[in-house]
Amino acid sequence: MAQQQPAVERQNTTTTTTTTGGGSGMGFIVGALVVVVGVLAYFVFGGSFEGAGANDVNITVEGAADAVEGAADAAAGAASE
């Protein structure tokens, strides 16, 4: 005859782990990075380091037409050789 196994009751074990602290330092670092990115975005997308009108640029080149004609003549001469 076969032997019967004794009845085994089920056992449940619950383990709870609680960790505290350490999150405030990470929050401070993330907050500082958000502020730095915000300031950089302000200057890149709208503000400027200089006063108003800093983007006004006037350039005057004198004698540019003569230089272009000279370069065109030199290129034409080099191509014909």
N, C-alpha and C. Protein backbone atom coordinates (compact mmCIF):
# COMPACT_ATOMS: atom_id res chain seq x y z
N MET A 1 0.80 -1.15 0.00
CA MET A 1 0.00 0.00 0.00
C MET A 1 0.87 1.26 0.00
N ALA A 2 0.39 2.31 -0.64
CA ALA A 2 1.14 3.56 -0.75
C ALA A 2 0.92 4.39 0.51
N GLN A 3 1.99 5.05 0.90
CA GLN A 3 1.87 5.91 2.09
C GLN A 3 1.30 7.26 1.68
N GLN A 4 0.49 7.81 2.53
CA GLN A 4 -0.09 9.13 2.26
C GLN A 4 0.80 10.21 2.86
N GLN A 5 0.91 11.31 2.11
CA GLN A 5 1.67 12.47 2.58
C GLN A 5 0.85 13.19 3.65
N PRO A 6 1.49 13.67 4.70
CA PRO A 6 0.74 14.44 5.70
C PRO A 6 0.29 15.77 5.11
N ALA A 7 -0.85 16.28 5.51
CA ALA A 7 -1.39 17.56 5.01
C ALA A 7 -0.50 18.70 5.50
N VAL A 8 -0.13 19.59 4.58
CA VAL A 8 0.72 20.73 4.92
C VAL A 8 -0.12 21.98 4.79
N GLU A 9 -0.10 22.78 5.83
CA GLU A 9 -0.83 24.05 5.76
C GLU A 9 0.02 25.06 5.00
N ARG A 10 -0.66 25.93 4.28
CA ARG A 10 0.05 26.98 3.54
C ARG A 10 0.47 28.08 4.50
N GLN A 11 1.68 28.54 4.29
CA GLN A 11 2.20 29.62 5.12
C GLN A 11 2.52 30.81 4.22
N ASN A 12 2.08 31.97 4.60
CA ASN A 12 2.38 33.21 3.86
C ASN A 12 3.29 34.06 4.72
N THR A 13 4.33 34.58 4.10
CA THR A 13 5.26 35.47 4.80
C THR A 13 5.25 36.81 4.09
N THR A 14 5.03 37.87 4.83
CA THR A 14 5.01 39.22 4.27
C THR A 14 6.18 39.99 4.85
N THR A 15 6.98 40.58 3.96
CA THR A 15 8.12 41.38 4.39
C THR A 15 7.90 42.80 3.92
N THR A 16 7.96 43.75 4.82
CA THR A 16 7.77 45.16 4.49
C THR A 16 9.08 45.89 4.76
N THR A 17 9.58 46.57 3.75
CA THR A 17 10.82 47.34 3.88
C THR A 17 10.49 48.81 3.70
N THR A 18 10.88 49.62 4.66
CA THR A 18 10.62 51.06 4.60
C THR A 18 11.95 51.79 4.59
N THR A 19 12.12 52.65 3.60
CA THR A 19 13.33 53.44 3.49
C THR A 19 12.94 54.91 3.63
N THR A 20 13.63 55.62 4.47
CA THR A 20 13.34 57.04 4.66
C THR A 20 14.62 57.84 4.43
N GLY A 21 14.43 59.13 4.07
CA GLY A 21 15.56 60.04 3.89
C GLY A 21 16.22 59.85 2.54
N GLY A 22 17.15 60.74 2.23
CA GLY A 22 17.89 60.64 0.98
C GLY A 22 17.20 61.28 -0.21
N GLY A 23 15.91 61.49 -0.16
CA GLY A 23 15.18 62.06 -1.28
C GLY A 23 15.29 63.57 -1.36
N SER A 24 15.56 64.22 -0.23
CA SER A 24 15.62 65.69 -0.25
C SER A 24 16.85 66.19 -1.01
N GLY A 25 17.96 65.49 -0.93
CA GLY A 25 19.15 65.89 -1.67
C GLY A 25 18.94 65.78 -3.16
N MET A 26 18.29 64.72 -3.60
CA MET A 26 18.01 64.54 -5.02
C MET A 26 17.02 65.60 -5.50
N GLY A 27 16.04 65.93 -4.69
CA GLY A 27 15.08 66.97 -5.05
C GLY A 27 15.75 68.32 -5.21
N PHE A 28 16.71 68.63 -4.35
CA PHE A 28 17.44 69.89 -4.45
C PHE A 28 18.24 69.95 -5.74
N ILE A 29 18.89 68.87 -6.10
CA ILE A 29 19.69 68.84 -7.33
C ILE A 29 18.80 69.00 -8.56
N VAL A 30 17.69 68.28 -8.59
CA VAL A 30 16.77 68.38 -9.73
C VAL A 30 16.19 69.79 -9.82
N GLY A 31 15.84 70.39 -8.70
CA GLY A 31 15.32 71.76 -8.70
C GLY A 31 16.34 72.75 -9.23
N ALA A 32 17.60 72.60 -8.84
CA ALA A 32 18.65 73.50 -9.32
C ALA A 32 18.84 73.34 -10.83
N LEU A 33 18.78 72.11 -11.33
CA LEU A 33 18.91 71.91 -12.77
C LEU A 33 17.75 72.52 -13.54
N VAL A 34 16.56 72.46 -12.99
CA VAL A 34 15.39 73.07 -13.65
C VAL A 34 15.57 74.58 -13.74
N VAL A 35 16.09 75.19 -12.69
CA VAL A 35 16.31 76.65 -12.71
C VAL A 35 17.37 77.02 -13.73
N VAL A 36 18.46 76.27 -13.80
CA VAL A 36 19.53 76.56 -14.75
C VAL A 36 19.02 76.43 -16.19
N VAL A 37 18.26 75.38 -16.47
CA VAL A 37 17.71 75.20 -17.83
C VAL A 37 16.73 76.32 -18.16
N GLY A 38 15.95 76.76 -17.20
CA GLY A 38 15.02 77.86 -17.43
C GLY A 38 15.73 79.16 -17.77
N VAL A 39 16.79 79.47 -17.05
CA VAL A 39 17.56 80.70 -17.31
C VAL A 39 18.21 80.63 -18.69
N LEU A 40 18.79 79.48 -19.03
CA LEU A 40 19.39 79.34 -20.36
C LEU A 40 18.35 79.46 -21.47
N ALA A 41 17.18 78.87 -21.27
CA ALA A 41 16.12 78.97 -22.28
C ALA A 41 15.67 80.40 -22.45
N TYR A 42 15.61 81.17 -21.37
CA TYR A 42 15.22 82.58 -21.47
C TYR A 42 16.19 83.35 -22.38
N PHE A 43 17.49 83.16 -22.17
CA PHE A 43 18.46 83.90 -22.97
C PHE A 43 18.54 83.38 -24.40
N VAL A 44 18.33 82.10 -24.62
CA VAL A 44 18.41 81.56 -25.97
C VAL A 44 17.19 81.94 -26.80
N PHE A 45 16.00 81.88 -26.21
CA PHE A 45 14.78 82.07 -26.98
C PHE A 45 14.18 83.47 -26.91
N GLY A 46 14.66 84.35 -26.06
CA GLY A 46 13.99 85.63 -26.02
C GLY A 46 14.83 86.76 -25.47
N GLY A 47 15.57 86.52 -24.46
CA GLY A 47 16.34 87.57 -23.83
C GLY A 47 17.68 87.73 -24.50
N SER A 48 18.47 88.63 -23.96
CA SER A 48 19.82 88.80 -24.47
C SER A 48 20.69 89.27 -23.33
N PHE A 49 21.98 89.11 -23.48
CA PHE A 49 22.90 89.55 -22.46
C PHE A 49 23.16 91.05 -22.57
N GLU A 50 22.98 91.61 -23.73
CA GLU A 50 23.18 93.03 -23.97
C GLU A 50 21.85 93.76 -23.83
N GLY A 51 21.90 95.08 -23.96
CA GLY A 51 20.68 95.87 -23.90
C GLY A 51 19.86 95.73 -25.17
N ALA A 52 18.74 96.42 -25.22
CA ALA A 52 17.86 96.36 -26.40
C ALA A 52 18.60 96.89 -27.62
N GLY A 53 18.36 96.30 -28.75
CA GLY A 53 19.01 96.74 -29.98
C GLY A 53 20.37 96.11 -30.20
N ALA A 54 20.70 95.12 -29.43
CA ALA A 54 22.01 94.50 -29.57
C ALA A 54 22.11 93.70 -30.87
N ASN A 55 20.98 93.40 -31.48
CA ASN A 55 20.98 92.62 -32.72
C ASN A 55 21.08 93.50 -33.97
N ASP A 56 21.17 94.81 -33.81
CA ASP A 56 21.30 95.70 -34.96
C ASP A 56 22.77 95.71 -35.41
N VAL A 57 23.00 95.26 -36.64
CA VAL A 57 24.35 95.20 -37.17
C VAL A 57 24.37 95.92 -38.51
N ASN A 58 25.25 96.87 -38.67
CA ASN A 58 25.42 97.59 -39.92
C ASN A 58 26.83 97.33 -40.44
N ILE A 59 26.93 96.84 -41.67
CA ILE A 59 28.23 96.53 -42.26
C ILE A 59 28.34 97.29 -43.57
N THR A 60 29.43 98.00 -43.73
CA THR A 60 29.70 98.73 -44.97
C THR A 60 31.03 98.25 -45.52
N VAL A 61 31.01 97.77 -46.77
CA VAL A 61 32.23 97.29 -47.41
C VAL A 61 32.47 98.18 -48.62
N GLU A 62 33.59 98.89 -48.60
CA GLU A 62 33.91 99.79 -49.70
C GLU A 62 34.87 99.08 -50.65
N GLY A 63 34.64 99.25 -51.92
CA GLY A 63 35.52 98.66 -52.92
C GLY A 63 35.18 97.21 -53.20
N ALA A 64 34.08 96.74 -52.76
CA ALA A 64 33.72 95.34 -52.96
C ALA A 64 33.44 95.05 -54.44
N ALA A 65 32.85 96.01 -55.14
CA ALA A 65 32.53 95.79 -56.56
C ALA A 65 33.81 95.61 -57.37
N ASP A 66 34.85 96.39 -57.07
CA ASP A 66 36.13 96.26 -57.78
C ASP A 66 36.77 94.90 -57.51
N ALA A 67 36.68 94.43 -56.30
CA ALA A 67 37.28 93.13 -55.96
C ALA A 67 36.55 92.00 -56.67
N VAL A 68 35.24 92.10 -56.79
CA VAL A 68 34.47 91.05 -57.45
C VAL A 68 34.80 91.02 -58.94
N GLU A 69 34.91 92.20 -59.55
CA GLU A 69 35.26 92.26 -60.98
C GLU A 69 36.66 91.70 -61.21
N GLY A 70 37.59 92.02 -60.34
CA GLY A 70 38.97 91.52 -60.48
C GLY A 70 39.00 89.99 -60.33
N ALA A 71 38.24 89.46 -59.40
CA ALA A 71 38.20 88.01 -59.19
C ALA A 71 37.57 87.31 -60.40
N ALA A 72 36.54 87.93 -60.98
CA ALA A 72 35.89 87.34 -62.16
C ALA A 72 36.84 87.33 -63.34
N ASP A 73 37.59 88.41 -63.54
CA ASP A 73 38.57 88.46 -64.63
C ASP A 73 39.67 87.43 -64.44
N ALA A 74 40.14 87.26 -63.18
CA ALA A 74 41.19 86.30 -62.90
C ALA A 74 40.69 84.87 -63.14
N ALA A 75 39.46 84.59 -62.79
CA ALA A 75 38.89 83.26 -62.99
C ALA A 75 38.71 82.98 -64.47
N ALA A 76 38.28 83.99 -65.21
CA ALA A 76 38.09 83.80 -66.67
C ALA A 76 39.44 83.59 -67.34
N GLY A 77 40.46 84.30 -66.91
CA GLY A 77 41.79 84.13 -67.50
C GLY A 77 42.36 82.77 -67.18
N ALA A 78 42.14 82.26 -65.96
CA ALA A 78 42.66 80.94 -65.57
C ALA A 78 41.93 79.84 -66.32
N ALA A 79 40.65 80.03 -66.60
CA ALA A 79 39.88 79.02 -67.30
C ALA A 79 40.27 78.92 -68.76
N SER A 80 40.70 80.03 -69.36
CA SER A 80 41.05 80.02 -70.78
C SER A 80 42.44 79.46 -71.03
N GLU A 81 43.26 79.37 -70.03
CA GLU A 81 44.62 78.86 -70.20
C GLU A 81 44.69 77.38 -70.30
